[in-house]
Protein backbone atom coordinates (compact mmCIF):
# COMPACT_ATOMS: atom_id res chain seq x y z
CA GLY A 1 -68.74 156.45 -4.45
CA VAL A 2 -69.95 154.25 -1.58
CA LEU A 3 -68.47 150.75 -1.30
CA ASN A 4 -69.95 148.74 1.57
CA VAL A 5 -68.08 145.48 2.07
CA THR A 6 -70.59 144.29 4.65
CA PRO A 7 -73.33 141.65 4.72
CA ASP A 8 -75.86 143.97 6.35
CA SER A 9 -75.71 147.59 5.16
CA PHE A 10 -79.15 149.18 4.74
CA SER A 11 -78.96 149.66 0.97
CA ASP A 12 -76.58 147.19 -0.63
CA GLY A 13 -75.51 144.89 2.18
CA GLY A 14 -74.04 141.66 0.81
CA ARG A 15 -73.73 142.73 -2.85
CA PHE A 16 -70.02 143.48 -2.55
CA PHE A 17 -69.04 141.26 0.37
CA ASP A 18 -66.78 139.26 -1.94
CA PRO A 19 -63.42 141.12 -2.30
CA ASP A 20 -63.20 140.55 -6.05
CA LYS A 21 -66.72 141.90 -6.61
CA ALA A 22 -65.96 144.84 -4.32
CA ALA A 23 -62.78 145.76 -6.19
CA ALA A 24 -64.55 145.46 -9.54
CA HIS A 25 -67.31 147.76 -8.29
CA ALA A 26 -64.78 150.34 -7.09
CA LEU A 27 -63.20 150.40 -10.55
CA ALA A 28 -66.64 150.67 -12.15
CA MET A 29 -67.50 153.65 -9.94
CA GLN A 30 -64.24 155.31 -10.95
CA ARG A 31 -65.14 154.86 -14.62
CA ALA A 32 -68.62 156.26 -13.89
CA GLY A 33 -67.14 159.49 -12.56
CA ALA A 34 -66.40 159.02 -8.87
CA ASP A 35 -63.70 161.35 -7.53
CA LEU A 36 -63.30 159.32 -4.34
CA ILE A 37 -64.14 155.78 -3.18
CA ASP A 38 -65.34 155.39 0.43
CA ILE A 39 -64.87 151.82 1.68
CA GLY A 40 -66.59 150.63 4.85
CA GLY A 41 -66.46 147.29 6.63
CA GLU A 42 -69.02 147.98 9.36
CA SER A 43 -72.69 148.74 8.82
CA THR A 44 -73.98 151.93 10.42
CA ARG A 45 -77.62 151.29 9.58
CA PRO A 46 -80.08 152.11 12.39
CA GLY A 47 -80.03 149.40 15.04
CA SER A 48 -76.74 147.81 13.98
CA ALA A 49 -74.62 146.49 16.84
CA GLY A 50 -71.21 146.95 15.25
CA VAL A 51 -68.31 144.56 14.77
CA SER A 52 -64.77 144.25 16.11
CA ALA A 53 -61.74 145.85 14.50
CA ALA A 54 -60.53 142.39 13.49
CA VAL A 55 -63.75 141.70 11.58
CA GLU A 56 -63.63 145.10 9.89
CA LEU A 57 -60.05 144.52 8.79
CA ARG A 58 -60.87 141.06 7.42
CA ARG A 59 -63.44 142.76 5.21
CA VAL A 60 -61.59 145.87 4.00
CA LEU A 61 -57.93 144.86 3.70
CA PRO A 62 -58.43 142.28 0.90
CA VAL A 63 -60.27 144.94 -1.12
CA LEU A 64 -57.59 147.55 -0.53
CA ARG A 65 -54.90 145.09 -1.62
CA ARG A 66 -56.78 144.34 -4.84
CA LEU A 67 -57.12 148.05 -5.60
CA ARG A 68 -53.52 149.05 -4.92
CA GLY A 69 -52.10 150.61 -8.07
CA ARG A 70 -55.38 150.19 -9.98
CA LEU A 71 -57.36 153.24 -8.82
CA ARG A 72 -56.50 156.77 -9.94
CA VAL A 73 -58.85 158.35 -7.40
CA PRO A 74 -58.24 158.42 -3.63
CA ILE A 75 -59.68 155.84 -1.25
CA SER A 76 -61.37 156.82 2.00
CA ILE A 77 -61.76 154.34 4.84
CA ASP A 78 -65.15 154.61 6.56
CA THR A 79 -64.45 153.61 10.16
CA ALA A 80 -64.73 154.81 13.74
CA LYS A 81 -61.77 152.73 14.95
CA ALA A 82 -58.18 153.97 15.07
CA ASP A 83 -56.69 150.50 14.52
CA VAL A 84 -58.76 149.98 11.39
CA ALA A 85 -57.92 153.43 10.07
CA GLU A 86 -54.18 152.95 10.55
CA ALA A 87 -54.12 149.51 8.92
CA ALA A 88 -56.20 150.79 6.01
CA ILE A 89 -53.90 153.77 5.48
CA ARG A 90 -50.90 151.44 5.43
CA ALA A 91 -52.76 149.38 2.80
CA GLY A 92 -53.45 152.39 0.58
CA ALA A 93 -56.32 154.47 1.99
CA GLN A 94 -55.66 158.20 1.84
CA MET A 95 -58.51 159.59 3.93
CA VAL A 96 -60.52 158.67 7.05
CA ASN A 97 -64.29 159.08 7.34
CA ASP A 98 -65.26 158.86 11.02
CA THR A 99 -69.02 158.52 11.43
CA SER A 100 -68.69 159.01 15.20
CA GLY A 101 -66.97 162.39 15.08
CA LEU A 102 -64.17 161.05 17.35
CA ARG A 103 -66.67 159.94 20.00
CA ALA A 104 -66.14 156.21 19.50
CA ASP A 105 -62.33 156.24 19.44
CA PRO A 106 -60.52 159.53 20.12
CA ARG A 107 -57.25 157.88 19.04
CA LEU A 108 -58.44 158.30 15.46
CA ALA A 109 -57.34 161.93 15.60
CA GLU A 110 -53.81 160.83 16.43
CA VAL A 111 -53.80 158.49 13.42
CA ALA A 112 -54.91 161.33 11.15
CA ARG A 113 -52.25 163.60 12.63
CA ARG A 114 -49.46 161.06 12.29
CA TYR A 115 -50.24 160.12 8.68
CA ARG A 116 -51.39 163.64 7.68
CA VAL A 117 -54.52 162.37 5.93
CA PRO A 118 -57.85 164.19 5.58
CA LEU A 119 -60.34 163.40 8.34
CA VAL A 120 -64.12 163.63 8.00
CA LEU A 121 -65.92 164.35 11.26
CA MET A 122 -69.60 163.38 11.20
CA HIS A 123 -72.36 164.38 13.60
CA ILE A 124 -74.34 161.56 15.18
CA ARG A 125 -76.70 161.43 18.13
CA GLY A 126 -75.94 158.29 20.13
CA THR A 127 -74.57 155.30 18.22
CA PRO A 128 -75.88 153.44 15.16
CA ARG A 129 -77.56 151.01 17.56
CA THR A 130 -79.34 153.71 19.59
CA MET A 131 -79.54 156.76 17.31
CA GLN A 132 -83.16 156.33 16.23
CA LYS A 133 -84.34 155.35 19.73
CA ILE A 134 -82.99 158.18 21.88
CA PRO A 135 -84.92 161.48 22.10
CA PHE A 136 -84.40 163.67 19.06
CA ALA A 137 -82.94 167.16 19.45
CA ARG A 138 -85.51 169.94 19.58
CA ASN A 139 -83.20 172.34 17.74
CA ILE A 140 -81.36 170.10 15.31
CA LEU A 141 -79.44 172.90 13.60
CA ARG A 142 -77.95 174.06 16.89
CA ASP A 143 -77.29 170.48 17.98
CA VAL A 144 -75.43 169.63 14.76
CA GLU A 145 -73.36 172.82 14.80
CA GLN A 146 -72.40 172.44 18.45
CA GLY A 147 -71.57 168.76 18.02
CA LEU A 148 -69.37 169.39 15.01
CA ARG A 149 -67.61 172.26 16.77
CA ARG A 150 -66.78 169.88 19.63
CA SER A 151 -65.39 167.29 17.22
CA VAL A 152 -63.33 169.90 15.36
CA ARG A 153 -61.94 171.28 18.62
CA GLN A 154 -61.02 167.77 19.76
CA ALA A 155 -59.20 167.05 16.50
CA LEU A 156 -57.28 170.32 16.61
CA GLN A 157 -56.27 169.73 20.23
CA ALA A 158 -54.90 166.34 19.16
CA GLY A 159 -52.64 168.05 16.64
CA VAL A 160 -54.66 167.53 13.45
CA ARG A 161 -54.25 170.49 11.12
CA ARG A 162 -57.37 172.45 10.27
CA SER A 163 -56.55 171.96 6.57
CA GLN A 164 -57.04 168.20 7.06
CA LEU A 165 -60.61 168.47 8.36
CA LEU A 166 -63.99 168.06 6.67
CA ILE A 167 -67.39 168.01 8.37
CA ASP A 168 -70.57 166.00 7.76
CA PRO A 169 -73.91 166.84 9.45
CA GLY A 170 -74.83 163.14 9.46
CA LEU A 171 -78.07 162.92 7.50
CA GLY A 172 -80.10 160.00 8.86
CA PHE A 173 -77.98 159.57 11.97
CA GLY A 174 -80.24 160.34 14.93
CA LYS A 175 -82.55 162.77 13.12
CA THR A 176 -86.20 162.74 12.16
CA ALA A 177 -87.06 162.77 8.46
CA GLU A 178 -88.08 166.41 8.71
CA GLN A 179 -84.85 167.35 10.46
CA ASN A 180 -82.79 165.95 7.59
CA TYR A 181 -84.57 168.25 5.16
CA GLU A 182 -84.07 171.14 7.58
CA ILE A 183 -80.33 170.46 7.73
CA ILE A 184 -80.01 170.58 3.94
CA GLN A 185 -82.22 173.67 3.67
CA TYR A 186 -80.12 175.57 6.21
CA LEU A 187 -76.74 174.05 5.38
CA ASN A 188 -75.24 177.54 5.18
CA ARG A 189 -75.33 177.58 9.00
CA LEU A 190 -72.42 175.15 8.93
CA ALA A 191 -70.43 177.41 6.62
CA ARG A 192 -69.55 179.32 9.78
CA LEU A 193 -67.16 176.51 10.65
CA ARG A 194 -65.16 177.36 7.49
CA LEU A 195 -64.55 173.72 6.59
CA PRO A 196 -65.43 171.61 3.53
CA LEU A 197 -68.86 169.97 3.80
CA LEU A 198 -69.57 166.33 2.96
CA LEU A 199 -73.17 165.10 2.76
CA GLY A 200 -74.53 161.59 2.39
CA PRO A 201 -78.20 161.72 1.33
CA SER A 202 -78.04 158.67 -0.94
CA ARG A 203 -81.03 156.31 -0.66
CA LYS A 204 -81.72 157.41 2.93
CA THR A 205 -85.00 156.71 4.72
CA PHE A 206 -85.94 160.40 4.86
CA ILE A 207 -86.16 160.28 1.05
CA GLY A 208 -88.26 157.13 1.05
CA LYS A 209 -90.67 158.59 3.59
CA VAL A 210 -91.92 161.31 1.23
CA LEU A 211 -92.11 158.78 -1.63
CA GLY A 212 -94.71 156.57 -0.01
CA ASN A 213 -92.13 154.66 2.06
CA ALA A 214 -90.35 153.53 -1.09
CA PRO A 215 -87.63 150.92 -0.49
CA ALA A 216 -83.97 151.92 -0.85
CA SER A 217 -83.85 150.45 -4.35
CA ASP A 218 -86.59 152.86 -5.51
CA ARG A 219 -85.08 156.11 -4.23
CA LEU A 220 -82.92 157.08 -7.20
CA MET A 221 -84.92 160.11 -8.30
CA GLY A 222 -85.44 161.23 -4.71
CA THR A 223 -81.70 160.94 -4.16
CA ALA A 224 -81.12 163.06 -7.27
CA ALA A 225 -83.32 165.79 -5.79
CA ALA A 226 -81.53 165.60 -2.43
CA VAL A 227 -78.10 165.69 -4.07
CA THR A 228 -79.10 168.74 -6.12
CA ALA A 229 -80.43 170.53 -3.04
CA SER A 230 -77.29 169.63 -1.09
CA ILE A 231 -74.93 170.99 -3.73
CA LEU A 232 -76.93 174.19 -4.21
CA ALA A 233 -76.95 174.64 -0.42
CA GLY A 234 -73.16 174.40 -0.22
CA ALA A 235 -72.05 170.75 -0.09
CA HIS A 236 -68.55 170.25 -1.49
CA ILE A 237 -68.69 166.43 -1.59
CA VAL A 238 -71.70 164.12 -1.91
CA ARG A 239 -71.43 160.47 -0.92
CA VAL A 240 -73.59 158.33 -3.24
CA HIS A 241 -74.30 154.76 -4.35
CA ASP A 242 -75.45 155.51 -7.92
CA VAL A 243 -72.32 157.22 -9.21
CA ALA A 244 -73.05 157.53 -12.93
CA GLU A 245 -76.45 159.11 -12.39
CA MET A 246 -75.35 161.39 -9.55
CA ALA A 247 -72.26 162.53 -11.44
CA GLU A 248 -74.62 163.97 -14.07
CA VAL A 249 -76.80 165.50 -11.37
CA ALA A 250 -73.74 167.11 -9.79
CA ARG A 251 -72.55 168.57 -13.10
CA VAL A 252 -75.92 170.23 -13.71
CA ALA A 253 -76.10 171.52 -10.12
CA ASP A 254 -72.58 172.91 -10.51
CA ALA A 255 -73.69 174.68 -13.70
CA PHE A 256 -76.45 176.42 -11.72
CA LEU A 257 -73.88 177.51 -9.15
CA ALA A 258 -71.55 178.78 -11.86
CA ALA A 259 -74.39 180.81 -13.40
CA SER A 260 -75.20 182.38 -10.04
CA HIS A 261 -71.60 183.58 -9.75
CA THR A 262 -71.66 185.45 -13.06
CA ARG A 263 -73.77 188.32 -11.69
């Protein structure tokens, strides 16, 4: 379940900026079937300039304090800053989701090593501010695989255990709409890295583009299709805004996978 405690995220920016509302939403997502809550205090929407670690911490720490002892499911901190990750872990987060793949702050690997928490390494071309302006990769599948291999190698060299690592191809982060569909279609290419796969298709622009440029609020059914395709292609975790609906989608997709394993 996605919990953006920002005023400017692309989909729900501002809705959960108040710590009490954010904590209540996290609990609601747990009741709706979330297995994990991913809290982020910095928008990574295309064109965003980013904020300081101090600003991020002012946003996420009050929420983490309100959730301490109230959530049964783990909390992930969505950040590319080592200082934010460490403070969040001390406040109760049990996983780090680095949307920069260790490019923004290599010290994040040391934090994951020291606290022995899972670390998600995401592929991104450029930064959130530049990712949709720089030239797109001609061979996106090769670019994603090579980029993730570099991030994994960097984490391992820093002492992070392989068993702590997950990878995310970064749907919507420096890719064309068509490339996002290509990544999902050929997700099995990333199985060669032998690591759990996390995908975040929820409400993304590549879904809206094929739905007549539908706004983020009108991409529920498109997200359901993308989540289904992602799971059937091999995703182990899907990061979503609409937890209740996508939990049902995931159960049905899992049933298809179970049926395919009976023969």
